[in-house]
Amino acid sequence: MNHKRGQSRHQTTLFPEALDDLIPADHPVRVVDAFVDSLDLLALGFGKVVPAATGCPPYHPGDLLKLYVYGYLNQVRSSRRLEKESQRNVEVLWLVNRLSPDFKTIADFRKDNRQAIVGTCRAFVGFCREQDLFGAELVAIDGSKFRAVASKKAAYTPKRIERELTKIDKRVEEYLSDLDESDAVEPTLPREGKTTDAIAALQGQREALQAMAVEMQESGEKQQVTTEPDARLMRQAGGGKEVAYNVQTAVDAKHKLIVSHEVTNDGNDLNQLYPMASAAQAALDAEQLTVVADVGYQNGEHGADCEAAGITAVVPKPKPVNPKGDFFDKSQFTYEAEQDQYRCPAGEVLKVYKTDHKKKVRHYSTSACEGCALKSQCTKSRRRTVNRQFYADSAERMHRRAVEQPALMRQRACLSEHPFGTIKRMMDNGQFLMRGLENVRAEMGLSVLSYNLKRVINILSVETLCARLAT
């Protein structure tokens, strides 16, 4: 018995197959084609939609956009790899009608149409809203750190600059000591050669580091990444630090679709609650909305802004700590709103003695601590102080909702973590390819669009989605 044999590659046929016959009707690449064809590329801001009257004809932006969306769907994000796929991949040959742009053209398209690419992601969110794919009742907000191109070695903080300057000084001293020893042995020889060149190079490094320290002090920045100024050194969930960006998402509870996203270089989520909640509310076109987030988003001022906009925020407060050696927890001090004062466990009244308008916090204290019988159980300091944020009432309301609805907090993790896990797998373990905040926003727009496309294909099927996009 012989093996199964394929058709000879040299065999010619009278009726060759059409390229369309090689792509099944339920293949996801057909969704990419239908979606891009449904867009108004000129309104979104893509360049070269209308070709110039003279010069070399450009590639149509729709074809290059299809190439990128297909690539991010299939974990092929590099412009060089996309160039190869356009030459050998039957699906890509079908998608872009056998066009084969070079990698520079592909890369320039992503760089030159950053805002339009982000707008494309929003356009698909609008389509999903029209198809009633959003519940528009509950949204989970979360953030995750995605690694930047820059290495951790390019990140400088004041402490690191100080350490580097100390190393340089020590190295220069060693070189000068070597020169002194050489002079003692052969004083007539000139001081030239590799040693003096090395000292000059070290002095140049010292001047550059000192200039960087002055620049950071004047700007108020706590760090600087030399090869990617927009990126920041951030703590990672698994421990350690990496040069990264902070990606924020708002996920609707009905189908776990991302309704809004943003990329920032803030190291934490403290100032992201209201911007993300209001963006989700606008994307869903909802008058009332419930948003749930973890403890990192606890911000009383943002909670008040959410309440004013018709958004119910559910955010727990962090567990209280006593970093200064206080023993009585702050919760054991009763706040009396009418008098704007605290009453301590011993019954004494703590009045406002200082207000920090920059940090938006009031500090309360009393002179009765010195003779108090409970002082040893309260503080090691001369006086016990208690602080209260300006928007503590709204922070307490957000916390109370989280305590009263533990199931909602468990649901938050299920909603938020799943999209991030999928996107990081699609993005080579969560690392950007481009440098700069605007560029990585375009990258994340393509990644979020690809995630939402995958979800909707699983929900509606390829045939149904293509039919709806066509109309």
Protein backbone atom coordinates (compact mmCIF):
# COMPACT_ATOMS: atom_id res chain seq x y z
CA MET A 1 0.00 0.00 0.00
CA ASN A 2 1.33 3.44 -0.95
CA HIS A 3 1.19 6.67 1.04
CA LYS A 4 -1.21 9.47 0.24
CA ARG A 5 0.38 11.82 -2.22
CA GLY A 6 -0.41 15.49 -2.86
CA GLN A 7 -0.73 17.19 -6.20
CA SER A 8 2.52 17.98 -7.98
CA ARG A 9 3.61 21.57 -7.51
CA HIS A 10 4.47 21.69 -11.21
CA GLN A 11 1.03 20.53 -12.36
CA THR A 12 -0.94 23.17 -14.27
CA THR A 13 -4.73 23.13 -14.29
CA LEU A 14 -7.19 24.39 -16.83
CA PHE A 15 -9.45 25.96 -14.24
CA PRO A 16 -7.26 27.38 -11.40
CA GLU A 17 -8.91 27.98 -8.03
CA ALA A 18 -9.93 31.51 -7.12
CA LEU A 19 -8.18 32.88 -4.03
CA ASP A 20 -11.55 33.42 -2.41
CA ASP A 21 -12.24 29.68 -2.57
CA LEU A 22 -9.33 29.06 -0.18
CA ILE A 23 -10.85 31.18 2.62
CA PRO A 24 -13.78 29.48 4.42
CA ALA A 25 -16.99 31.48 4.90
CA ASP A 26 -16.58 31.36 8.69
CA HIS A 27 -12.94 32.47 8.78
CA PRO A 28 -12.23 35.47 11.11
CA VAL A 29 -10.23 37.23 8.38
CA ARG A 30 -13.54 37.97 6.67
CA VAL A 31 -14.60 39.97 9.74
CA VAL A 32 -11.46 42.11 9.48
CA ASP A 33 -12.23 42.78 5.84
CA ALA A 34 -15.88 43.64 6.49
CA PHE A 35 -15.11 45.86 9.49
CA VAL A 36 -12.48 48.00 7.76
CA ASP A 37 -14.66 48.32 4.66
CA SER A 38 -17.48 49.65 6.87
CA LEU A 39 -15.35 52.53 8.24
CA ASP A 40 -15.27 56.11 7.05
CA LEU A 41 -11.49 56.35 6.96
CA LEU A 42 -11.48 60.02 5.98
CA ALA A 43 -13.67 60.99 8.93
CA LEU A 44 -11.46 58.97 11.28
CA GLY A 45 -8.45 61.01 10.16
CA PHE A 46 -6.43 58.50 8.12
CA GLY A 47 -4.00 60.02 5.68
CA LYS A 48 -3.83 59.38 1.91
CA VAL A 49 -7.49 58.31 1.70
CA VAL A 50 -7.68 60.63 -1.30
CA PRO A 51 -4.50 60.11 -3.34
CA ALA A 52 -2.53 63.07 -4.66
CA ALA A 53 -2.91 64.02 -8.31
CA THR A 54 0.79 63.55 -8.98
CA GLY A 55 3.59 61.34 -7.75
CA CYS A 56 3.75 57.65 -6.96
CA PRO A 57 0.33 56.18 -6.07
CA PRO A 58 0.13 55.40 -2.32
CA TYR A 59 -1.24 52.24 -0.74
CA HIS A 60 -4.85 52.59 0.34
CA PRO A 61 -4.97 53.12 4.14
CA GLY A 62 -7.75 50.55 4.37
CA ASP A 63 -5.44 47.82 3.11
CA LEU A 64 -2.68 48.73 5.57
CA LEU A 65 -5.20 48.94 8.41
CA LYS A 66 -6.51 45.47 7.51
CA LEU A 67 -2.93 44.19 7.59
CA TYR A 68 -2.35 45.56 11.09
CA VAL A 69 -5.66 44.38 12.53
CA TYR A 70 -5.03 40.90 11.14
CA GLY A 71 -1.50 40.96 12.55
CA TYR A 72 -2.55 41.93 16.08
CA LEU A 73 -5.31 39.31 15.98
CA ASN A 74 -2.70 36.68 15.19
CA GLN A 75 0.17 37.92 17.40
CA VAL A 76 2.12 39.30 14.43
CA ARG A 77 2.87 42.93 15.31
CA SER A 78 6.30 43.60 13.77
CA SER A 79 6.29 45.47 10.46
CA ARG A 80 9.00 43.16 9.11
CA ARG A 81 6.99 40.06 9.99
CA LEU A 82 3.87 41.60 8.45
CA GLU A 83 5.85 42.18 5.24
CA LYS A 84 6.74 38.47 5.15
CA GLU A 85 3.15 37.44 5.88
CA SER A 86 1.92 39.52 2.95
CA GLN A 87 4.19 37.47 0.67
CA ARG A 88 3.47 33.94 1.90
CA ASN A 89 0.25 33.85 3.96
CA VAL A 90 -2.81 32.94 1.88
CA GLU A 91 -5.14 34.68 4.35
CA VAL A 92 -3.18 37.93 4.06
CA LEU A 93 -2.94 37.58 0.27
CA TRP A 94 -6.73 37.36 0.21
CA LEU A 95 -7.20 40.21 2.70
CA VAL A 96 -5.05 42.80 0.90
CA ASN A 97 -5.59 41.51 -2.66
CA ARG A 98 -2.02 40.24 -3.04
CA LEU A 99 -0.42 43.55 -2.21
CA SER A 100 3.03 43.31 -0.64
CA PRO A 101 4.12 46.62 0.92
CA ASP A 102 7.62 46.83 2.36
CA PHE A 103 8.17 46.98 6.12
CA LYS A 104 9.00 50.73 6.10
CA THR A 105 5.65 51.55 4.50
CA ILE A 106 3.88 49.35 7.03
CA ALA A 107 5.72 50.88 10.00
CA ASP A 108 5.16 54.45 8.80
CA PHE A 109 1.43 53.84 8.48
CA ARG A 110 1.13 52.97 12.18
CA LYS A 111 3.33 55.91 13.18
CA ASP A 112 1.56 58.47 10.96
CA ASN A 113 -2.01 57.46 11.84
CA ARG A 114 -1.84 57.08 15.62
CA GLN A 115 -4.94 59.09 16.49
CA ALA A 116 -6.95 57.53 13.66
CA ILE A 117 -6.07 54.02 14.87
CA VAL A 118 -7.32 54.87 18.37
CA GLY A 119 -10.47 56.27 16.73
CA THR A 120 -10.92 52.96 14.89
CA CYS A 121 -11.02 51.15 18.24
CA ARG A 122 -13.68 53.59 19.46
CA ALA A 123 -15.64 53.08 16.24
CA PHE A 124 -15.94 49.36 16.94
CA VAL A 125 -17.09 50.12 20.49
CA GLY A 126 -19.80 52.31 18.94
CA PHE A 127 -20.81 49.45 16.64
CA CYS A 128 -21.04 47.08 19.63
CA ARG A 129 -23.28 49.56 21.43
CA GLU A 130 -25.58 49.71 18.40
CA GLN A 131 -25.75 45.91 18.40
CA ASP A 132 -26.83 45.89 22.07
CA LEU A 133 -23.71 44.00 23.16
CA PHE A 134 -23.22 46.13 26.28
CA GLY A 135 -25.24 45.83 29.46
CA ALA A 136 -24.39 49.47 30.30
CA GLU A 137 -25.12 48.84 33.99
CA LEU A 138 -21.89 47.58 35.59
CA VAL A 139 -18.33 48.37 34.53
CA ALA A 140 -15.09 47.11 36.13
CA ILE A 141 -12.09 49.44 36.03
CA ASP A 142 -8.54 48.20 36.44
CA GLY A 143 -4.97 48.97 35.43
CA SER A 144 -1.94 46.90 34.49
CA LYS A 145 1.70 47.67 33.76
CA PHE A 146 2.91 46.97 30.21
CA ARG A 147 6.65 46.99 29.61
CA ALA A 148 8.19 49.73 27.47
CA VAL A 149 10.97 49.30 24.93
CA ALA A 150 13.53 51.07 27.14
CA SER A 151 15.71 49.01 29.46
CA LYS A 152 15.70 49.41 33.22
CA LYS A 153 19.34 50.48 32.90
CA ALA A 154 18.16 53.68 31.18
CA ALA A 155 16.08 54.76 34.20
CA TYR A 156 17.70 57.25 36.57
CA THR A 157 16.50 58.43 39.97
CA PRO A 158 18.24 60.94 42.29
CA LYS A 159 19.57 58.06 44.39
CA ARG A 160 20.96 56.26 41.37
CA ILE A 161 22.59 59.44 40.08
CA GLU A 162 24.25 59.89 43.46
CA ARG A 163 25.55 56.30 43.37
CA GLU A 164 26.84 56.71 39.81
CA LEU A 165 28.63 59.95 40.70
CA THR A 166 30.29 58.23 43.66
CA LYS A 167 31.51 55.41 41.38
CA ILE A 168 32.86 57.91 38.85
CA ASP A 169 34.73 59.85 41.53
CA LYS A 170 36.26 56.64 42.84
CA ARG A 171 37.29 55.55 39.37
CA VAL A 172 38.86 58.94 38.59
CA GLU A 173 40.83 58.78 41.85
CA GLU A 174 42.16 55.36 40.86
CA TYR A 175 43.27 56.66 37.46
CA LEU A 176 44.94 59.73 39.01
CA SER A 177 46.71 57.50 41.54
CA ASP A 178 48.03 55.38 38.67
CA LEU A 179 49.30 58.50 36.92
CA ASP A 180 51.04 59.69 40.10
CA GLU A 181 52.79 56.35 40.41
CA SER A 182 53.91 56.55 36.78
CA ASP A 183 55.24 60.08 37.36
CA ALA A 184 57.24 58.87 40.35
CA VAL A 185 58.90 56.17 38.26
CA GLU A 186 59.37 58.09 34.99
CA PRO A 187 58.69 61.79 35.59
CA THR A 188 59.85 62.89 32.13
CA LEU A 189 57.12 61.04 30.21
CA PRO A 190 54.09 63.12 29.15
CA ARG A 191 50.65 62.34 30.62
CA GLU A 192 48.98 61.00 27.51
CA GLY A 193 47.38 57.80 26.38
CA LYS A 194 44.45 55.62 27.36
CA THR A 195 44.41 56.70 31.01
CA THR A 196 43.94 60.40 30.30
CA ASP A 197 41.28 59.58 27.68
CA ALA A 198 39.42 57.46 30.23
CA ILE A 199 39.52 60.29 32.78
CA ALA A 200 38.12 62.73 30.20
CA ALA A 201 35.32 60.28 29.37
CA LEU A 202 34.44 59.86 33.05
CA GLN A 203 34.37 63.62 33.54
CA GLY A 204 31.97 63.87 30.61
CA GLN A 205 29.70 61.28 32.21
CA ARG A 206 29.84 63.20 35.49
CA GLU A 207 28.77 66.44 33.79
CA ALA A 208 25.89 64.67 32.02
CA LEU A 209 24.66 63.12 35.29
CA GLN A 210 24.90 66.44 37.12
CA ALA A 211 22.93 68.17 34.36
CA MET A 212 20.28 65.44 34.58
CA ALA A 213 20.03 65.90 38.36
CA VAL A 214 19.54 69.66 37.96
CA GLU A 215 16.90 69.12 35.26
CA MET A 216 14.98 66.67 37.45
CA GLN A 217 15.12 69.04 40.41
CA GLU A 218 13.81 71.97 38.35
CA SER A 219 11.01 69.95 36.73
CA GLY A 220 9.98 68.17 39.94
CA GLU A 221 10.32 64.76 38.29
CA LYS A 222 11.48 61.89 40.49
CA GLN A 223 12.97 59.87 37.66
CA GLN A 224 14.07 60.06 34.04
CA VAL A 225 14.36 57.38 31.36
CA THR A 226 17.06 58.54 28.96
CA THR A 227 16.06 56.44 25.93
CA GLU A 228 12.28 56.83 26.34
CA PRO A 229 11.34 59.99 28.27
CA ASP A 230 7.59 59.20 28.36
CA ALA A 231 8.08 55.86 30.13
CA ARG A 232 8.48 55.45 33.88
CA LEU A 233 10.06 52.93 36.23
CA MET A 234 7.04 51.19 37.82
CA ARG A 235 6.46 48.47 40.36
CA GLN A 236 5.28 45.17 38.89
CA ALA A 237 2.60 42.94 40.38
CA GLY A 238 5.03 40.03 40.76
CA GLY A 239 7.66 42.17 42.48
CA GLY A 240 10.52 44.26 41.21
CA LYS A 241 10.44 47.25 38.88
CA GLU A 242 10.34 47.66 35.12
CA VAL A 243 10.25 50.60 32.72
CA ALA A 244 6.60 50.54 31.73
CA TYR A 245 3.32 52.30 30.97
CA ASN A 246 0.11 52.07 33.00
CA VAL A 247 -2.75 50.72 30.84
CA GLN A 248 -6.29 51.39 32.08
CA THR A 249 -9.42 49.54 30.93
CA ALA A 250 -13.14 49.73 31.65
CA VAL A 251 -14.86 46.37 31.01
CA ASP A 252 -18.62 45.97 30.62
CA ALA A 253 -20.12 43.12 32.65
CA LYS A 254 -22.45 41.69 29.97
CA HIS A 255 -19.89 40.17 27.57
CA LYS A 256 -16.54 41.31 29.08
CA LEU A 257 -16.01 43.77 26.23
CA ILE A 258 -13.68 46.71 26.79
CA VAL A 259 -15.71 49.90 26.44
CA SER A 260 -12.88 52.33 27.12
CA HIS A 261 -9.12 52.26 27.62
CA GLU A 262 -6.24 54.66 28.18
CA VAL A 263 -2.45 54.53 28.46
CA THR A 264 -0.75 56.76 31.04
CA ASN A 265 2.67 57.03 32.64
CA ASP A 266 1.33 57.42 36.18
CA GLY A 267 2.92 54.88 38.49
CA ASN A 268 -0.36 54.17 40.35
CA ASP A 269 -4.13 54.26 39.79
CA LEU A 270 -4.99 56.93 42.36
CA ASN A 271 -6.07 59.56 39.79
CA GLN A 272 -7.71 57.25 37.24
CA LEU A 273 -11.15 56.52 38.72
CA TYR A 274 -13.19 59.44 37.42
CA PRO A 275 -11.48 59.77 34.01
CA MET A 276 -12.07 56.09 33.25
CA ALA A 277 -15.59 56.06 34.70
CA SER A 278 -16.67 59.14 32.74
CA ALA A 279 -15.10 57.77 29.54
CA ALA A 280 -17.00 54.50 30.00
CA GLN A 281 -20.22 56.39 30.67
CA ALA A 282 -19.77 58.39 27.46
CA ALA A 283 -18.92 55.27 25.42
CA LEU A 284 -22.02 53.48 26.71
CA ASP A 285 -24.20 56.59 26.45
CA ALA A 286 -25.59 55.77 29.91
CA GLU A 287 -27.14 58.27 32.31
CA GLN A 288 -26.59 56.00 35.33
CA LEU A 289 -23.70 53.60 35.73
CA THR A 290 -22.09 51.50 38.46
CA VAL A 291 -18.32 51.18 38.38
CA VAL A 292 -16.27 48.87 40.59
CA ALA A 293 -12.52 49.12 41.16
CA ASP A 294 -9.89 47.87 43.58
CA VAL A 295 -8.34 49.67 46.53
CA GLY A 296 -5.78 51.49 44.38
CA TYR A 297 -8.53 53.71 42.99
CA GLN A 298 -9.76 54.94 46.38
CA ASN A 299 -9.95 58.71 45.86
CA GLY A 300 -12.62 60.71 47.66
CA GLU A 301 -12.51 63.63 45.24
CA HIS A 302 -13.01 61.33 42.26
CA GLY A 303 -15.83 59.61 44.13
CA ALA A 304 -17.58 62.96 44.55
CA ASP A 305 -17.11 63.72 40.84
CA CYS A 306 -18.61 60.33 39.97
CA GLU A 307 -21.65 60.97 42.16
CA ALA A 308 -22.21 64.33 40.49
CA ALA A 309 -22.15 62.62 37.05
CA GLY A 310 -24.62 59.89 38.01
CA ILE A 311 -21.92 57.23 38.46
CA THR A 312 -22.03 54.96 41.51
CA ALA A 313 -18.46 54.06 42.44
CA VAL A 314 -17.75 50.93 44.51
CA VAL A 315 -14.16 51.11 45.79
CA PRO A 316 -12.81 49.71 49.11
CA LYS A 317 -10.46 51.66 51.36
CA PRO A 318 -6.95 50.38 52.14
CA LYS A 319 -6.39 48.70 55.47
CA PRO A 320 -5.29 51.21 58.13
CA VAL A 321 -1.68 51.21 59.21
CA ASN A 322 0.24 52.91 62.02
CA PRO A 323 3.59 53.86 60.51
CA LYS A 324 4.46 56.27 63.35
CA GLY A 325 3.83 53.84 66.21
CA ASP A 326 0.21 54.80 66.97
CA PHE A 327 -1.67 52.00 68.70
CA PHE A 328 -5.30 53.10 68.61
CA ASP A 329 -6.59 52.74 65.08
CA LYS A 330 -8.08 55.79 63.38
CA SER A 331 -11.44 54.01 63.25
CA GLN A 332 -11.58 54.25 67.05
CA PHE A 333 -11.71 58.04 66.75
CA THR A 334 -15.28 59.29 66.17
CA TYR A 335 -15.73 62.11 63.70
CA GLU A 336 -18.37 64.70 64.65
CA ALA A 337 -19.33 66.40 61.41
CA GLU A 338 -21.29 69.33 62.82
CA GLN A 339 -18.34 70.57 64.88
CA ASP A 340 -15.70 69.28 62.41
CA GLN A 341 -13.81 67.50 65.18
CA TYR A 342 -12.73 64.04 66.33
CA ARG A 343 -13.37 62.44 69.72
CA CYS A 344 -10.71 60.04 70.93
CA PRO A 345 -11.24 56.81 72.97
CA ALA A 346 -10.55 58.81 76.17
CA GLY A 347 -13.36 61.25 75.33
CA GLU A 348 -11.10 64.19 74.48
CA VAL A 349 -11.81 66.43 71.48
CA LEU A 350 -9.29 66.79 68.64
CA LYS A 351 -9.60 70.10 66.77
CA VAL A 352 -8.17 71.20 63.43
CA TYR A 353 -4.68 72.59 63.92
CA LYS A 354 -3.37 72.49 60.33
CA THR A 355 -4.87 72.40 56.82
CA ASP A 356 -2.85 71.29 53.81
CA HIS A 357 -4.66 72.67 50.74
CA LYS A 358 -2.13 71.17 48.33
CA LYS A 359 -2.72 67.62 49.55
CA LYS A 360 -6.34 68.43 50.47
CA VAL A 361 -6.14 67.14 54.04
CA ARG A 362 -6.88 68.50 57.54
CA HIS A 363 -4.89 67.53 60.64
CA TYR A 364 -6.54 67.23 64.06
CA SER A 365 -4.89 67.18 67.50
CA THR A 366 -5.41 68.04 71.18
CA SER A 367 -3.27 69.29 74.05
CA ALA A 368 -4.87 66.80 76.46
CA CYS A 369 -2.54 63.98 75.39
CA GLU A 370 0.21 64.82 77.90
CA GLY A 371 -1.92 63.99 80.95
CA CYS A 372 -4.03 61.26 79.36
CA ALA A 373 -4.12 57.87 81.10
CA LEU A 374 -4.45 56.09 77.72
CA LYS A 375 -1.48 57.80 76.09
CA SER A 376 0.70 54.67 76.29
CA GLN A 377 -1.95 52.79 74.30
CA CYS A 378 -2.36 55.59 71.78
CA THR A 379 0.97 57.01 70.65
CA LYS A 380 4.67 57.32 71.45
CA SER A 381 4.69 60.89 70.17
CA ARG A 382 4.03 63.92 72.36
CA ARG A 383 0.59 64.31 70.80
CA ARG A 384 -1.66 62.06 68.76
CA THR A 385 -2.72 63.50 65.42
CA VAL A 386 -5.48 62.34 63.10
CA ASN A 387 -5.87 63.50 59.51
CA ARG A 388 -8.96 63.67 57.32
CA GLN A 389 -9.17 64.18 53.56
CA PHE A 390 -11.41 66.94 52.18
CA TYR A 391 -13.60 64.33 50.43
CA ALA A 392 -13.57 61.71 53.18
CA ASP A 393 -17.38 61.42 53.14
CA SER A 394 -17.52 60.29 49.51
CA ALA A 395 -14.58 57.93 50.14
CA GLU A 396 -16.48 56.39 53.04
CA ARG A 397 -19.58 55.91 50.89
CA MET A 398 -17.54 54.11 48.21
CA HIS A 399 -16.00 51.89 50.86
CA ARG A 400 -19.37 51.10 52.47
CA ARG A 401 -20.76 49.94 49.13
CA ALA A 402 -17.78 47.62 48.67
CA VAL A 403 -18.20 46.15 52.16
CA GLU A 404 -21.94 45.64 51.70
CA GLN A 405 -21.51 43.97 48.27
CA PRO A 406 -18.62 41.47 48.50
CA ALA A 407 -19.96 39.54 45.49
CA LEU A 408 -19.50 42.66 43.39
CA MET A 409 -15.85 42.87 44.39
CA ARG A 410 -15.29 39.22 43.42
CA GLN A 411 -16.98 39.89 40.09
CA ARG A 412 -14.62 42.82 39.54
CA ALA A 413 -11.59 40.51 39.45
CA CYS A 414 -13.27 38.17 36.95
CA LEU A 415 -14.18 41.05 34.65
CA SER A 416 -10.87 42.94 34.77
CA GLU A 417 -8.21 40.25 34.80
CA HIS A 418 -9.48 38.21 31.85
CA PRO A 419 -9.02 40.97 29.21
CA PHE A 420 -5.57 41.88 30.50
CA GLY A 421 -4.46 38.26 30.41
CA THR A 422 -5.68 37.84 26.84
CA ILE A 423 -4.13 41.09 25.62
CA LYS A 424 -0.76 40.37 27.24
CA ARG A 425 -0.68 36.96 25.59
CA MET A 426 -1.40 38.65 22.24
CA MET A 427 1.30 41.26 22.94
CA ASP A 428 4.25 38.96 23.67
CA ASN A 429 3.75 38.95 27.43
CA GLY A 430 2.76 42.61 27.53
CA GLN A 431 5.58 44.56 25.90
CA PHE A 432 5.21 47.44 23.48
CA LEU A 433 7.20 47.66 20.24
CA MET A 434 7.17 51.45 19.88
CA ARG A 435 8.57 54.25 22.00
CA GLY A 436 6.64 57.25 23.29
CA LEU A 437 3.21 57.72 24.84
CA GLU A 438 1.34 58.54 21.61
CA ASN A 439 2.87 55.58 19.80
CA VAL A 440 2.03 53.06 22.52
CA ARG A 441 -1.52 54.41 22.62
CA ALA A 442 -1.86 53.46 18.96
CA GLU A 443 -0.46 50.01 19.74
CA MET A 444 -2.89 49.54 22.59
CA GLY A 445 -5.75 50.70 20.37
CA LEU A 446 -4.96 47.88 17.95
CA SER A 447 -4.67 45.37 20.81
CA VAL A 448 -7.98 46.38 22.40
CA LEU A 449 -9.67 46.32 18.99
CA SER A 450 -8.34 42.81 18.39
CA TYR A 451 -9.53 41.63 21.79
CA ASN A 452 -13.02 43.02 21.23
CA LEU A 453 -13.15 41.51 17.73
CA LYS A 454 -12.29 38.08 19.14
CA ARG A 455 -15.00 38.39 21.79
CA VAL A 456 -17.70 39.51 19.37
CA ILE A 457 -16.82 36.77 16.86
CA ASN A 458 -17.31 34.21 19.65
CA ILE A 459 -20.60 35.83 20.65
CA LEU A 460 -22.22 36.38 17.23
CA SER A 461 -20.28 34.10 14.80
CA VAL A 462 -18.38 35.26 11.71
CA GLU A 463 -21.34 35.10 9.32
CA THR A 464 -23.66 37.10 11.58
CA LEU A 465 -21.03 39.72 12.36
CA CYS A 466 -20.12 40.18 8.69
CA ALA A 467 -23.78 40.58 7.80
CA ARG A 468 -24.31 43.23 10.46
CA LEU A 469 -21.16 45.10 9.47
CA ALA A 470 -22.32 45.14 5.85
CA THR A 471 -25.48 47.00 6.83
